[in-house]
């Protein structure tokens, strides 16, 4: 997974400590490279973030990125399907860089389809 402009824009719009002061527990669904989790941790020093990723390669990349960051002690990454995963706590906020396409032409690349198409987690 590549870091995209839209992910950076979403990350820049996440609530900061002053606006999100009461937010302690965060869930990042479909973390990809871990970018949103890392950006949230950087902006919100009291937040504890759980991130989940279904794709093994993306999970490994996010794990590597998070481990190398100064916020690794506040971000935990899980490998699995968010629809089936038994999350350990209730969350104050859920963040995600969601799939963008519904009922659109799909790629031959299954990983790209999971990341970009709304097949498993519906937007509505």
PDB file of N, CA and C in Angstrom:
ATOM      1  N   UNK A   1       0.832  -1.184   0.000  1.00  0.00           N
ATOM      2  CA  UNK A   1       0.000   0.000   0.000  1.00  0.00           C
ATOM      3  C   UNK A   1       0.874   1.245   0.000  1.00  0.00           C
ATOM      4  N   UNK A   2       0.491   2.185  -0.767  1.00  0.00           N
ATOM      5  CA  UNK A   2       1.222   3.445  -0.848  1.00  0.00           C
ATOM      6  C   UNK A   2       0.526   4.494   0.005  1.00  0.00           C
ATOM      7  N   UNK A   3       1.298   5.446   0.493  1.00  0.00           N
ATOM      8  CA  UNK A   3       0.729   6.607   1.174  1.00  0.00           C
ATOM      9  C   UNK A   3       0.171   7.504   0.075  1.00  0.00           C
ATOM     10  N   UNK A   4      -1.089   7.883   0.202  1.00  0.00           N
ATOM     11  CA  UNK A   4      -1.740   8.677  -0.826  1.00  0.00           C
ATOM     12  C   UNK A   4      -2.054  10.085  -0.325  1.00  0.00           C
ATOM     13  N   UNK A   5      -2.295  10.963  -1.249  1.00  0.00           N
ATOM     14  CA  UNK A   5      -2.634  12.342  -0.910  1.00  0.00           C
ATOM     15  C   UNK A   5      -3.914  12.393  -0.080  1.00  0.00           C
ATOM     16  N   UNK A   6      -4.915  11.581  -0.457  1.00  0.00           N
ATOM     17  CA  UNK A   6      -6.170  11.610   0.292  1.00  0.00           C
ATOM     18  C   UNK A   6      -5.967  11.175   1.736  1.00  0.00           C
ATOM     19  N   UNK A   7      -5.105  10.190   1.974  1.00  0.00           N
ATOM     20  CA  UNK A   7      -4.832   9.761   3.348  1.00  0.00           C
ATOM     21  C   UNK A   7      -4.161  10.881   4.140  1.00  0.00           C
ATOM     22  N   UNK A   8      -3.260  11.592   3.517  1.00  0.00           N
ATOM     23  CA  UNK A   8      -2.609  12.724   4.189  1.00  0.00           C
ATOM     24  C   UNK A   8      -3.615  13.818   4.504  1.00  0.00           C
ATOM     25  N   UNK A   9      -4.526  14.080   3.572  1.00  0.00           N
ATOM     26  CA  UNK A   9      -5.569  15.078   3.813  1.00  0.00           C
ATOM     27  C   UNK A   9      -6.489  14.650   4.948  1.00  0.00           C
ATOM     28  N   UNK A  10      -6.917  13.386   4.955  1.00  0.00           N
ATOM     29  CA  UNK A  10      -7.748  12.885   6.051  1.00  0.00           C
ATOM     30  C   UNK A  10      -7.013  13.040   7.376  1.00  0.00           C
ATOM     31  N   UNK A  11      -5.750  12.672   7.397  1.00  0.00           N
ATOM     32  CA  UNK A  11      -4.957  12.782   8.621  1.00  0.00           C
ATOM     33  C   UNK A  11      -4.864  14.207   9.122  1.00  0.00           C
ATOM     34  N   UNK A  12      -4.751  15.148   8.211  1.00  0.00           N
ATOM     35  CA  UNK A  12      -4.644  16.550   8.625  1.00  0.00           C
ATOM     36  C   UNK A  12      -5.951  17.073   9.199  1.00  0.00           C
ATOM     37  N   UNK A  13      -7.066  16.421   8.895  1.00  0.00           N
ATOM     38  CA  UNK A  13      -8.373  16.853   9.375  1.00  0.00           C
ATOM     39  C   UNK A  13      -8.805  16.163  10.666  1.00  0.00           C
ATOM     40  N   UNK A  14      -8.007  15.225  11.157  1.00  0.00           N
ATOM     41  CA  UNK A  14      -8.353  14.552  12.408  1.00  0.00           C
ATOM     42  C   UNK A  14      -8.356  15.552  13.559  1.00  0.00           C
ATOM     43  N   UNK A  15      -9.226  15.348  14.558  1.00  0.00           N
ATOM     44  CA  UNK A  15      -9.271  16.288  15.687  1.00  0.00           C
ATOM     45  C   UNK A  15      -7.928  16.368  16.411  1.00  0.00           C
ATOM     46  N   UNK A  16      -7.542  17.573  16.791  1.00  0.00           N
ATOM     47  CA  UNK A  16      -6.309  17.769  17.555  1.00  0.00           C
ATOM     48  C   UNK A  16      -6.610  17.657  19.043  1.00  0.00           C
ATOM     49  N   UNK A  17      -5.582  17.674  19.863  1.00  0.00           N
ATOM     50  CA  UNK A  17      -5.750  17.543  21.311  1.00  0.00           C
ATOM     51  C   UNK A  17      -6.738  18.557  21.863  1.00  0.00           C
ATOM     52  N   UNK A  18      -6.710  19.804  21.374  1.00  0.00           N
ATOM     53  CA  UNK A  18      -7.613  20.828  21.902  1.00  0.00           C
ATOM     54  C   UNK A  18      -9.069  20.528  21.542  1.00  0.00           C
ATOM     55  N   UNK A  19      -9.306  20.020  20.333  1.00  0.00           N
ATOM     56  CA  UNK A  19     -10.677  19.701  19.915  1.00  0.00           C
ATOM     57  C   UNK A  19     -11.077  18.292  20.317  1.00  0.00           C
ATOM     58  N   UNK A  20     -10.115  17.405  20.474  1.00  0.00           N
ATOM     59  CA  UNK A  20     -10.419  16.011  20.788  1.00  0.00           C
ATOM     60  C   UNK A  20      -9.895  15.607  22.149  1.00  0.00           C
ATOM     61  N   UNK A  21      -9.854  16.560  23.085  1.00  0.00           N
ATOM     62  CA  UNK A  21      -9.276  16.324  24.402  1.00  0.00           C
ATOM     63  C   UNK A  21      -9.864  15.165  25.175  1.00  0.00           C
ATOM     64  N   UNK A  22     -11.169  14.900  25.002  1.00  0.00           N
ATOM     65  CA  UNK A  22     -11.797  13.804  25.724  1.00  0.00           C
ATOM     66  C   UNK A  22     -11.660  12.465  25.036  1.00  0.00           C
ATOM     67  N   UNK A  23     -11.027  12.446  23.888  1.00  0.00           N
ATOM     68  CA  UNK A  23     -10.871  11.207  23.127  1.00  0.00           C
ATOM     69  C   UNK A  23      -9.620  10.476  23.608  1.00  0.00           C
ATOM     70  N   UNK A  24      -9.821   9.338  24.199  1.00  0.00           N
ATOM     71  CA  UNK A  24      -8.698   8.547  24.722  1.00  0.00           C
ATOM     72  C   UNK A  24      -8.468   7.272  23.920  1.00  0.00           C
ATOM     73  N   UNK A  25      -9.563   6.609  23.525  1.00  0.00           N
ATOM     74  CA  UNK A  25      -9.459   5.317  22.842  1.00  0.00           C
ATOM     75  C   UNK A  25      -9.944   5.446  21.413  1.00  0.00           C
ATOM     76  N   UNK A  26      -9.037   5.126  20.481  1.00  0.00           N
ATOM     77  CA  UNK A  26      -9.277   5.322  19.055  1.00  0.00           C
ATOM     78  C   UNK A  26      -9.115   3.989  18.332  1.00  0.00           C
ATOM     79  N   UNK A  27      -9.981   3.757  17.348  1.00  0.00           N
ATOM     80  CA  UNK A  27      -9.867   2.588  16.486  1.00  0.00           C
ATOM     81  C   UNK A  27      -9.668   3.063  15.052  1.00  0.00           C
ATOM     82  N   UNK A  28      -8.638   2.536  14.404  1.00  0.00           N
ATOM     83  CA  UNK A  28      -8.356   2.818  12.993  1.00  0.00           C
ATOM     84  C   UNK A  28      -8.668   1.554  12.205  1.00  0.00           C
ATOM     85  N   UNK A  29      -9.760   1.583  11.441  1.00  0.00           N
ATOM     86  CA  UNK A  29     -10.175   0.413  10.660  1.00  0.00           C
ATOM     87  C   UNK A  29      -9.548   0.487   9.277  1.00  0.00           C
ATOM     88  N   UNK A  30      -8.882  -0.604   8.882  1.00  0.00           N
ATOM     89  CA  UNK A  30      -8.209  -0.654   7.584  1.00  0.00           C
ATOM     90  C   UNK A  30      -7.006   0.258   7.572  1.00  0.00           C
ATOM     91  N   UNK A  31      -6.126   0.067   8.527  1.00  0.00           N
ATOM     92  CA  UNK A  31      -5.022   1.002   8.758  1.00  0.00           C
ATOM     93  C   UNK A  31      -4.043   1.128   7.593  1.00  0.00           C
ATOM     94  N   UNK A  32      -3.982   0.139   6.718  1.00  0.00           N
ATOM     95  CA  UNK A  32      -3.049   0.232   5.578  1.00  0.00           C
ATOM     96  C   UNK A  32      -1.617   0.352   6.059  1.00  0.00           C
ATOM     97  N   UNK A  33      -0.967   1.462   5.784  1.00  0.00           N
ATOM     98  CA  UNK A  33       0.422   1.688   6.205  1.00  0.00           C
ATOM     99  C   UNK A  33       0.521   2.175   7.652  1.00  0.00           C
ATOM    100  N   UNK A  34      -0.631   2.470   8.267  1.00  0.00           N
ATOM    101  CA  UNK A  34      -0.636   3.000   9.633  1.00  0.00           C
ATOM    102  C   UNK A  34      -0.608   4.511   9.692  1.00  0.00           C
ATOM    103  N   UNK A  35      -0.707   5.162   8.538  1.00  0.00           N
ATOM    104  CA  UNK A  35      -0.558   6.613   8.464  1.00  0.00           C
ATOM    105  C   UNK A  35      -1.525   7.374   9.365  1.00  0.00           C
ATOM    106  N   UNK A  36      -2.836   7.058   9.305  1.00  0.00           N
ATOM    107  CA  UNK A  36      -3.792   7.795  10.124  1.00  0.00           C
ATOM    108  C   UNK A  36      -3.528   7.587  11.616  1.00  0.00           C
ATOM    109  N   UNK A  37      -3.203   6.373  12.007  1.00  0.00           N
ATOM    110  CA  UNK A  37      -2.878   6.103  13.415  1.00  0.00           C
ATOM    111  C   UNK A  37      -1.673   6.919  13.859  1.00  0.00           C
ATOM    112  N   UNK A  38      -0.660   6.954  13.025  1.00  0.00           N
ATOM    113  CA  UNK A  38       0.547   7.714  13.354  1.00  0.00           C
ATOM    114  C   UNK A  38       0.263   9.216  13.432  1.00  0.00           C
ATOM    115  N   UNK A  39      -0.522   9.719  12.494  1.00  0.00           N
ATOM    116  CA  UNK A  39      -0.847  11.149  12.508  1.00  0.00           C
ATOM    117  C   UNK A  39      -1.709  11.496  13.726  1.00  0.00           C
ATOM    118  N   UNK A  40      -2.636  10.601  14.074  1.00  0.00           N
ATOM    119  CA  UNK A  40      -3.483  10.860  15.239  1.00  0.00           C
ATOM    120  C   UNK A  40      -2.650  10.846  16.516  1.00  0.00           C
ATOM    121  N   UNK A  41      -1.775   9.876  16.637  1.00  0.00           N
ATOM    122  CA  UNK A  41      -0.908   9.787  17.831  1.00  0.00           C
ATOM    123  C   UNK A  41      -0.010  11.012  17.950  1.00  0.00           C
ATOM    124  N   UNK A  42       0.479  11.511  16.834  1.00  0.00           N
ATOM    125  CA  UNK A  42       1.340  12.687  16.845  1.00  0.00           C
ATOM    126  C   UNK A  42       0.581  13.922  17.341  1.00  0.00           C
ATOM    127  N   UNK A  43      -0.685  14.057  16.954  1.00  0.00           N
ATOM    128  CA  UNK A  43      -1.473  15.231  17.294  1.00  0.00           C
ATOM    129  C   UNK A  43      -2.149  15.139  18.668  1.00  0.00           C
ATOM    130  N   UNK A  44      -2.322  13.933  19.190  1.00  0.00           N
ATOM    131  CA  UNK A  44      -3.099  13.713  20.406  1.00  0.00           C
ATOM    132  C   UNK A  44      -2.305  12.843  21.374  1.00  0.00           C
ATOM    133  N   UNK A  45      -1.639  13.479  22.286  1.00  0.00           N
ATOM    134  CA  UNK A  45      -0.673  12.807  23.161  1.00  0.00           C
ATOM    135  C   UNK A  45      -1.296  11.872  24.187  1.00  0.00           C
ATOM    136  N   UNK A  46      -2.593  11.996  24.457  1.00  0.00           N
ATOM    137  CA  UNK A  46      -3.249  11.129  25.436  1.00  0.00           C
ATOM    138  C   UNK A  46      -3.997   9.969  24.797  1.00  0.00           C
ATOM    139  N   UNK A  47      -4.030   9.922  23.478  1.00  0.00           N
ATOM    140  CA  UNK A  47      -4.796   8.892  22.787  1.00  0.00           C
ATOM    141  C   UNK A  47      -4.050   7.564  22.766  1.00  0.00           C
ATOM    142  N   UNK A  48      -4.819   6.498  22.931  1.00  0.00           N
ATOM    143  CA  UNK A  48      -4.344   5.128  22.762  1.00  0.00           C
ATOM    144  C   UNK A  48      -5.077   4.597  21.537  1.00  0.00           C
ATOM    145  N   UNK A  49      -4.340   4.077  20.574  1.00  0.00           N
ATOM    146  CA  UNK A  49      -4.919   3.718  19.276  1.00  0.00           C
ATOM    147  C   UNK A  49      -4.755   2.237  18.992  1.00  0.00           C
ATOM    148  N   UNK A  50      -5.870   1.600  18.632  1.00  0.00           N
ATOM    149  CA  UNK A  50      -5.847   0.244  18.105  1.00  0.00           C
ATOM    150  C   UNK A  50      -6.095   0.366  16.611  1.00  0.00           C
ATOM    151  N   UNK A  51      -5.293  -0.329  15.824  1.00  0.00           N
ATOM    152  CA  UNK A  51      -5.422  -0.309  14.367  1.00  0.00           C
ATOM    153  C   UNK A  51      -5.614  -1.735  13.893  1.00  0.00           C
ATOM    154  N   UNK A  52      -6.487  -1.920  12.921  1.00  0.00           N
ATOM    155  CA  UNK A  52      -6.719  -3.257  12.383  1.00  0.00           C
ATOM    156  C   UNK A  52      -6.565  -3.219  10.867  1.00  0.00           C
ATOM    157  N   UNK A  53      -5.964  -4.280  10.337  1.00  0.00           N
ATOM    158  CA  UNK A  53      -5.737  -4.387   8.896  1.00  0.00           C
ATOM    159  C   UNK A  53      -5.985  -5.827   8.472  1.00  0.00           C
ATOM    160  N   UNK A  54      -6.736  -6.006   7.397  1.00  0.00           N
ATOM    161  CA  UNK A  54      -7.093  -7.337   6.908  1.00  0.00           C
ATOM    162  C   UNK A  54      -5.994  -7.944   6.026  1.00  0.00           C
ATOM    163  N   UNK A  55      -5.274  -7.122   5.294  1.00  0.00           N
ATOM    164  CA  UNK A  55      -4.263  -7.597   4.345  1.00  0.00           C
ATOM    165  C   UNK A  55      -2.932  -7.840   5.054  1.00  0.00           C
ATOM    166  N   UNK A  56      -2.373  -9.018   4.870  1.00  0.00           N
ATOM    167  CA  UNK A  56      -1.126  -9.400   5.562  1.00  0.00           C
ATOM    168  C   UNK A  56       0.039  -8.475   5.223  1.00  0.00           C
ATOM    169  N   UNK A  57       0.236  -8.166   3.939  1.00  0.00           N
ATOM    170  CA  UNK A  57       1.359  -7.311   3.558  1.00  0.00           C
ATOM    171  C   UNK A  57       1.206  -5.901   4.128  1.00  0.00           C
ATOM    172  N   UNK A  58      -0.001  -5.354   4.055  1.00  0.00           N
ATOM    173  CA  UNK A  58      -0.248  -4.020   4.612  1.00  0.00           C
ATOM    174  C   UNK A  58      -0.068  -4.047   6.127  1.00  0.00           C
ATOM    175  N   UNK A  59      -0.550  -5.102   6.773  1.00  0.00           N
ATOM    176  CA  UNK A  59      -0.373  -5.261   8.227  1.00  0.00           C
ATOM    177  C   UNK A  59       1.112  -5.231   8.596  1.00  0.00           C
ATOM    178  N   UNK A  60       1.923  -5.978   7.861  1.00  0.00           N
ATOM    179  CA  UNK A  60       3.358  -6.025   8.141  1.00  0.00           C
ATOM    180  C   UNK A  60       3.999  -4.646   7.942  1.00  0.00           C
ATOM    181  N   UNK A  61       3.573  -3.923   6.889  1.00  0.00           N
ATOM    182  CA  UNK A  61       4.113  -2.589   6.639  1.00  0.00           C
ATOM    183  C   UNK A  61       3.714  -1.631   7.759  1.00  0.00           C
ATOM    184  N   UNK A  62       2.453  -1.681   8.173  1.00  0.00           N
ATOM    185  CA  UNK A  62       1.982  -0.817   9.268  1.00  0.00           C
ATOM    186  C   UNK A  62       2.718  -1.149  10.560  1.00  0.00           C
ATOM    187  N   UNK A  63       2.900  -2.421  10.820  1.00  0.00           N
ATOM    188  CA  UNK A  63       3.617  -2.855  12.031  1.00  0.00           C
ATOM    189  C   UNK A  63       5.040  -2.292  12.028  1.00  0.00           C
ATOM    190  N   UNK A  64       5.708  -2.371  10.882  1.00  0.00           N
ATOM    191  CA  UNK A  64       7.058  -1.839  10.754  1.00  0.00           C
ATOM    192  C   UNK A  64       7.067  -0.319  10.967  1.00  0.00           C
ATOM    193  N   UNK A  65       6.134   0.385  10.340  1.00  0.00           N
ATOM    194  CA  UNK A  65       6.064   1.838  10.467  1.00  0.00           C
ATOM    195  C   UNK A  65       5.768   2.268  11.898  1.00  0.00           C
ATOM    196  N   UNK A  66       4.842   1.598  12.537  1.00  0.00           N
ATOM    197  CA  UNK A  66       4.462   1.940  13.909  1.00  0.00           C
ATOM    198  C   UNK A  66       5.600   1.637  14.868  1.00  0.00           C
ATOM    199  N   UNK A  67       6.235   0.499  14.710  1.00  0.00           N
ATOM    200  CA  UNK A  67       7.359   0.118  15.577  1.00  0.00           C
ATOM    201  C   UNK A  67       8.500   1.123  15.484  1.00  0.00           C
ATOM    202  N   UNK A  68       8.722   1.669  14.300  1.00  0.00           N
ATOM    203  CA  UNK A  68       9.815   2.626  14.095  1.00  0.00           C
ATOM    204  C   UNK A  68       9.454   4.048  14.543  1.00  0.00           C
ATOM    205  N   UNK A  69       8.213   4.261  14.943  1.00  0.00           N
ATOM    206  CA  UNK A  69       7.765   5.616  15.289  1.00  0.00           C
ATOM    207  C   UNK A  69       7.977   5.926  16.775  1.00  0.00           C
ATOM    208  N   UNK A  70       7.948   7.192  17.135  1.00  0.00           N
ATOM    209  CA  UNK A  70       8.036   7.578  18.546  1.00  0.00           C
ATOM    210  C   UNK A  70       6.745   7.286  19.323  1.00  0.00           C
ATOM    211  N   UNK A  71       5.683   6.842  18.628  1.00  0.00           N
ATOM    212  CA  UNK A  71       4.388   6.622  19.270  1.00  0.00           C
ATOM    213  C   UNK A  71       4.031   5.146  19.373  1.00  0.00           C
ATOM    214  N   UNK A  72       4.998   4.283  19.187  1.00  0.00           N
ATOM    215  CA  UNK A  72       4.753   2.838  19.184  1.00  0.00           C
ATOM    216  C   UNK A  72       4.143   2.339  20.494  1.00  0.00           C
ATOM    217  N   UNK A  73       4.419   3.018  21.590  1.00  0.00           N
ATOM    218  CA  UNK A  73       3.878   2.580  22.884  1.00  0.00           C
ATOM    219  C   UNK A  73       2.387   2.889  23.025  1.00  0.00           C
ATOM    220  N   UNK A  74       1.824   3.680  22.107  1.00  0.00           N
ATOM    221  CA  UNK A  74       0.408   4.044  22.190  1.00  0.00           C
ATOM    222  C   UNK A  74      -0.427   3.496  21.036  1.00  0.00           C
ATOM    223  N   UNK A  75       0.204   2.760  20.138  1.00  0.00           N
ATOM    224  CA  UNK A  75      -0.514   2.195  18.996  1.00  0.00           C
ATOM    225  C   UNK A  75      -0.323   0.681  18.985  1.00  0.00           C
ATOM    226  N   UNK A  76      -1.442  -0.033  18.961  1.00  0.00           N
ATOM    227  CA  UNK A  76      -1.383  -1.491  18.838  1.00  0.00           C
ATOM    228  C   UNK A  76      -2.065  -1.873  17.536  1.00  0.00           C
ATOM    229  N   UNK A  77      -1.412  -2.734  16.782  1.00  0.00           N
ATOM    230  CA  UNK A  77      -1.973  -3.141  15.489  1.00  0.00           C
ATOM    231  C   UNK A  77      -2.403  -4.598  15.545  1.00  0.00           C
ATOM    232  N   UNK A  78      -3.574  -4.851  14.986  1.00  0.00           N
ATOM    233  CA  UNK A  78      -4.140  -6.195  14.931  1.00  0.00           C
ATOM    234  C   UNK A  78      -4.292  -6.597  13.475  1.00  0.00           C
ATOM    235  N   UNK A  79      -4.123  -7.877  13.211  1.00  0.00           N
ATOM    236  CA  UNK A  79      -4.326  -8.443  11.874  1.00  0.00           C
ATOM    237  C   UNK A  79      -5.665  -9.142  11.891  1.00  0.00           C
ATOM    238  N   UNK A  80      -6.596  -8.707  11.045  1.00  0.00           N
ATOM    239  CA  UNK A  80      -7.880  -9.377  10.979  1.00  0.00           C
ATOM    240  C   UNK A  80      -8.931  -8.551  10.255  1.00  0.00           C
ATOM    241  N   UNK A  81     -10.119  -9.121  10.212  1.00  0.00           N
ATOM    242  CA  UNK A  81     -11.278  -8.503   9.577  1.00  0.00           C
ATOM    243  C   UNK A  81     -12.056  -7.753  10.658  1.00  0.00           C
ATOM    244  N   UNK A  82     -12.243  -6.467  10.489  1.00  0.00           N
ATOM    245  CA  UNK A  82     -12.920  -5.642  11.496  1.00  0.00           C
ATOM    246  C   UNK A  82     -14.339  -6.126  11.760  1.00  0.00           C
ATOM    247  N   UNK A  83     -14.974  -6.750  10.780  1.00  0.00           N
ATOM    248  CA  UNK A  83     -16.347  -7.237  10.954  1.00  0.00           C
ATOM    249  C   UNK A  83     -16.404  -8.439  11.886  1.00  0.00           C
ATOM    250  N   UNK A  84     -15.317  -9.179  12.008  1.00  0.00           N
ATOM    251  CA  UNK A  84     -15.310 -10.410  12.794  1.00  0.00           C
ATOM    252  C   UNK A  84     -14.445 -10.322  14.047  1.00  0.00           C
ATOM    253  N   UNK A  85     -13.693  -9.260  14.178  1.00  0.00           N
ATOM    254  CA  UNK A  85     -12.716  -9.137  15.266  1.00  0.00           C
ATOM    255  C   UNK A  85     -13.418  -8.782  16.579  1.00  0.00           C
ATOM    256  N   UNK A  86     -12.948  -9.375  17.670  1.00  0.00           N
ATOM    257  CA  UNK A  86     -13.471  -9.071  19.000  1.00  0.00           C
ATOM    258  C   UNK A  86     -12.560  -8.013  19.629  1.00  0.00           C
ATOM    259  N   UNK A  87     -12.941  -6.756  19.499  1.00  0.00           N
ATOM    260  CA  UNK A  87     -12.119  -5.660  19.993  1.00  0.00           C
ATOM    261  C   UNK A  87     -12.106  -5.643  21.524  1.00  0.00           C
ATOM    262  N   UNK A  88     -10.963  -5.306  22.122  1.00  0.00           N
ATOM    263  CA  UNK A  88     -10.796  -5.410  23.571  1.00  0.00           C
ATOM    264  C   UNK A  88     -11.527  -4.347  24.392  1.00  0.00           C
ATOM    265  N   UNK A  89     -11.914  -3.231  23.773  1.00  0.00           N
ATOM    266  CA  UNK A  89     -12.538  -2.127  24.515  1.00  0.00           C
ATOM    267  C   UNK A  89     -13.563  -1.432  23.633  1.00  0.00           C
ATOM    268  N   UNK A  90     -14.277  -0.450  24.223  1.00  0.00           N
ATOM    269  CA  UNK A  90     -15.120   0.446  23.447  1.00  0.00           C
ATOM    270  C   UNK A  90     -14.283   1.659  23.075  1.00  0.00           C
ATOM    271  N   UNK A  91     -14.577   2.243  21.926  1.00  0.00           N
ATOM    272  CA  UNK A  91     -13.774   3.349  21.424  1.00  0.00           C
ATOM    273  C   UNK A  91     -14.553   4.655  21.464  1.00  0.00           C
ATOM    274  N   UNK A  92     -13.813   5.728  21.692  1.00  0.00           N
ATOM    275  CA  UNK A  92     -14.395   7.064  21.679  1.00  0.00           C
ATOM    276  C   UNK A  92     -14.604   7.561  20.258  1.00  0.00           C
ATOM    277  N   UNK A  93     -13.743   7.113  19.357  1.00  0.00           N
ATOM    278  CA  UNK A  93     -13.809   7.555  17.959  1.00  0.00           C
ATOM    279  C   UNK A  93     -13.224   6.452  17.075  1.00  0.00           C
ATOM    280  N   UNK A  94     -13.791   6.344  15.876  1.00  0.00           N
ATOM    281  CA  UNK A  94     -13.276   5.416  14.870  1.00  0.00           C
ATOM    282  C   UNK A  94     -12.824   6.254  13.683  1.00  0.00           C
ATOM    283  N   UNK A  95     -11.609   5.994  13.223  1.00  0.00           N
ATOM    284  CA  UNK A  95     -11.077   6.679  12.057  1.00  0.00           C
ATOM    285  C   UNK A  95     -10.823   5.653  10.960  1.00  0.00           C
ATOM    286  N   UNK A  96     -10.840   6.110   9.723  1.00  0.00           N
ATOM    287  CA  UNK A  96     -10.612   5.208   8.602  1.00  0.00           C
ATOM    288  C   UNK A  96     -10.400   6.026   7.333  1.00  0.00           C
ATOM    289  N   UNK A  97      -9.573   5.511   6.475  1.00  0.00           N
ATOM    290  CA  UNK A  97      -9.478   6.018   5.113  1.00  0.00           C
ATOM    291  C   UNK A  97     -10.313   5.028   4.306  1.00  0.00           C
ATOM    292  N   UNK A  98     -11.597   5.331   4.110  1.00  0.00           N
ATOM    293  CA  UNK A  98     -12.537   4.319   3.615  1.00  0.00           C
ATOM    294  C   UNK A  98     -12.373   3.998   2.142  1.00  0.00           C
ATOM    295  N   UNK A  99     -12.963   2.861   1.742  1.00  0.00           N
ATOM    296  CA  UNK A  99     -13.035   2.564   0.312  1.00  0.00           C
ATOM    297  C   UNK A  99     -13.848   3.650  -0.387  1.00  0.00           C
ATOM    298  N   UNK A 100     -13.497   3.965  -1.599  1.00  0.00           N
ATOM    299  CA  UNK A 100     -14.125   5.069  -2.303  1.00  0.00           C
ATOM    300  C   UNK A 100     -15.125   4.652  -3.362  1.00  0.00           C
ATOM    301  N   UNK A 101     -15.083   3.416  -3.805  1.00  0.00           N
ATOM    302  CA  UNK A 101     -15.880   3.022  -4.956  1.00  0.00           C
ATOM    303  C   UNK A 101     -16.982   2.051  -4.564  1.00  0.00           C
ATOM    304  N   UNK A 102     -18.169   2.330  -5.060  1.00  0.00           N
ATOM    305  CA  UNK A 102     -19.310   1.432  -4.901  1.00  0.00           C
ATOM    306  C   UNK A 102     -19.817   1.077  -6.290  1.00  0.00           C
ATOM    307  N   UNK A 103     -19.938  -0.220  -6.546  1.00  0.00           N
ATOM    308  CA  UNK A 103     -20.489  -0.699  -7.821  1.00  0.00           C
ATOM    309  C   UNK A 103     -19.751  -0.112  -9.019  1.00  0.00           C
ATOM    310  N   UNK A 104     -18.447  -0.048  -8.934  1.00  0.00           N
ATOM    311  CA  UNK A 104     -17.602   0.465 -10.013  1.00  0.00           C
ATOM    312  C   UNK A 104     -16.795  -0.683 -10.608  1.00  0.00           C
ATOM    313  N   UNK A 105     -16.166  -0.427 -11.739  1.00  0.00           N
ATOM    314  CA  UNK A 105     -15.322  -1.413 -12.390  1.00  0.00           C
ATOM    315  C   UNK A 105     -14.178  -1.790 -11.464  1.00  0.00           C
ATOM    316  N   UNK A 106     -13.991  -3.078 -11.262  1.00  0.00           N
ATOM    317  CA  UNK A 106     -12.973  -3.539 -10.330  1.00  0.00           C
ATOM    318  C   UNK A 106     -11.690  -3.910 -11.063  1.00  0.00           C
ATOM    319  N   UNK A 107     -10.603  -3.914 -10.313  1.00  0.00           N
ATOM    320  CA  UNK A 107      -9.282  -4.248 -10.822  1.00  0.00           C
ATOM    321  C   UNK A 107      -9.100  -5.764 -10.854  1.00  0.00           C
ATOM    322  N   UNK A 108      -8.087  -6.216 -11.555  1.00  0.00           N
ATOM    323  CA  UNK A 108      -7.709  -7.628 -11.505  1.00  0.00           C
ATOM    324  C   UNK A 108      -6.933  -7.932 -10.222  1.00  0.00           C
ATOM    325  N   UNK A 109      -6.520  -6.895  -9.515  1.00  0.00           N
ATOM    326  CA  UNK A 109      -5.741  -7.023  -8.283  1.00  0.00           C
ATOM    327  C   UNK A 109      -6.685  -7.072  -7.071  1.00  0.00           C
ATOM    328  N   UNK A 110      -6.800  -8.243  -6.448  1.00  0.00           N
ATOM    329  CA  UNK A 110      -7.727  -8.434  -5.324  1.00  0.00           C
ATOM    330  C   UNK A 110      -7.395  -7.510  -4.148  1.00  0.00           C
ATOM    331  N   UNK A 111      -6.120  -7.289  -3.875  1.00  0.00           N
ATOM    332  CA  UNK A 111      -5.721  -6.406  -2.766  1.00  0.00           C
ATOM    333  C   UNK A 111      -6.176  -4.971  -3.025  1.00  0.00           C
ATOM    334  N   UNK A 112      -6.035  -4.534  -4.239  1.00  0.00           N
ATOM    335  CA  UNK A 112      -6.461  -3.181  -4.601  1.00  0.00           C
ATOM    336  C   UNK A 112      -7.979  -3.050  -4.457  1.00  0.00           C
ATOM    337  N   UNK A 113      -8.700  -4.101  -4.804  1.00  0.00           N
ATOM    338  CA  UNK A 113     -10.152  -4.080  -4.679  1.00  0.00           C
ATOM    339  C   UNK A 113     -10.595  -3.991  -3.218  1.00  0.00           C
ATOM    340  N   UNK A 114      -9.942  -4.729  -2.342  1.00  0.00           N
ATOM    341  CA  UNK A 114     -10.282  -4.677  -0.921  1.00  0.00           C
ATOM    342  C   UNK A 114     -10.051  -3.273  -0.377  1.00  0.00           C
ATOM    343  N   UNK A 115      -8.964  -2.652  -0.781  1.00  0.00           N
ATOM    344  CA  UNK A 115      -8.614  -1.325  -0.275  1.00  0.00           C
ATOM    345  C   UNK A 115      -9.483  -0.215  -0.863  1.00  0.00           C
ATOM    346  N   UNK A 116      -9.905  -0.368  -2.095  1.00  0.00           N
ATOM    347  CA  UNK A 116     -10.561   0.742  -2.792  1.00  0.00           C
ATOM    348  C   UNK A 116     -12.057   0.605  -3.008  1.00  0.00           C
ATOM    349  N   UNK A 117     -12.575  -0.619  -2.963  1.00  0.00           N
ATOM    350  CA  UNK A 117     -13.980  -0.830  -3.271  1.00  0.00           C
ATOM    351  C   UNK A 117     -14.775  -1.190  -2.030  1.00  0.00           C
ATOM    352  N   UNK A 118     -15.988  -0.712  -2.004  1.00  0.00           N
ATOM    353  CA  UNK A 118     -16.883  -0.895  -0.873  1.00  0.00           C
ATOM    354  C   UNK A 118     -17.596  -2.239  -0.995  1.00  0.00           C
ATOM    355  N   UNK A 119     -16.892  -3.316  -0.715  1.00  0.00           N
ATOM    356  CA  UNK A 119     -17.490  -4.648  -0.829  1.00  0.00           C
ATOM    357  C   UNK A 119     -17.784  -5.260   0.543  1.00  0.00           C
ATOM    358  N   UNK A 120     -17.004  -4.920   1.538  1.00  0.00           N
ATOM    359  CA  UNK A 120     -17.173  -5.561   2.834  1.00  0.00           C
ATOM    360  C   UNK A 120     -17.733  -4.643   3.904  1.00  0.00           C
ATOM    361  N   UNK A 121     -17.248  -3.428   3.977  1.00  0.00           N
ATOM    362  CA  UNK A 121     -17.723  -2.453   4.956  1.00  0.00           C
ATOM    363  C   UNK A 121     -18.478  -1.378   4.201  1.00  0.00           C
ATOM    364  N   UNK A 122     -19.776  -1.367   4.368  1.00  0.00           N
ATOM    365  CA  UNK A 122     -20.606  -0.425   3.646  1.00  0.00           C
ATOM    366  C   UNK A 122     -20.486   0.976   4.229  1.00  0.00           C
ATOM    367  N   UNK A 123     -20.527   1.980   3.363  1.00  0.00           N
ATOM    368  CA  UNK A 123     -20.411   3.365   3.791  1.00  0.00           C
ATOM    369  C   UNK A 123     -21.676   3.864   4.462  1.00  0.00           C
ATOM    370  N   UNK A 124     -22.822   3.285   4.161  1.00  0.00           N
ATOM    371  CA  UNK A 124     -24.070   3.751   4.774  1.00  0.00           C
ATOM    372  C   UNK A 124     -24.548   2.834   5.858  1.00  0.00           C
TER     373      UNK A 124
END
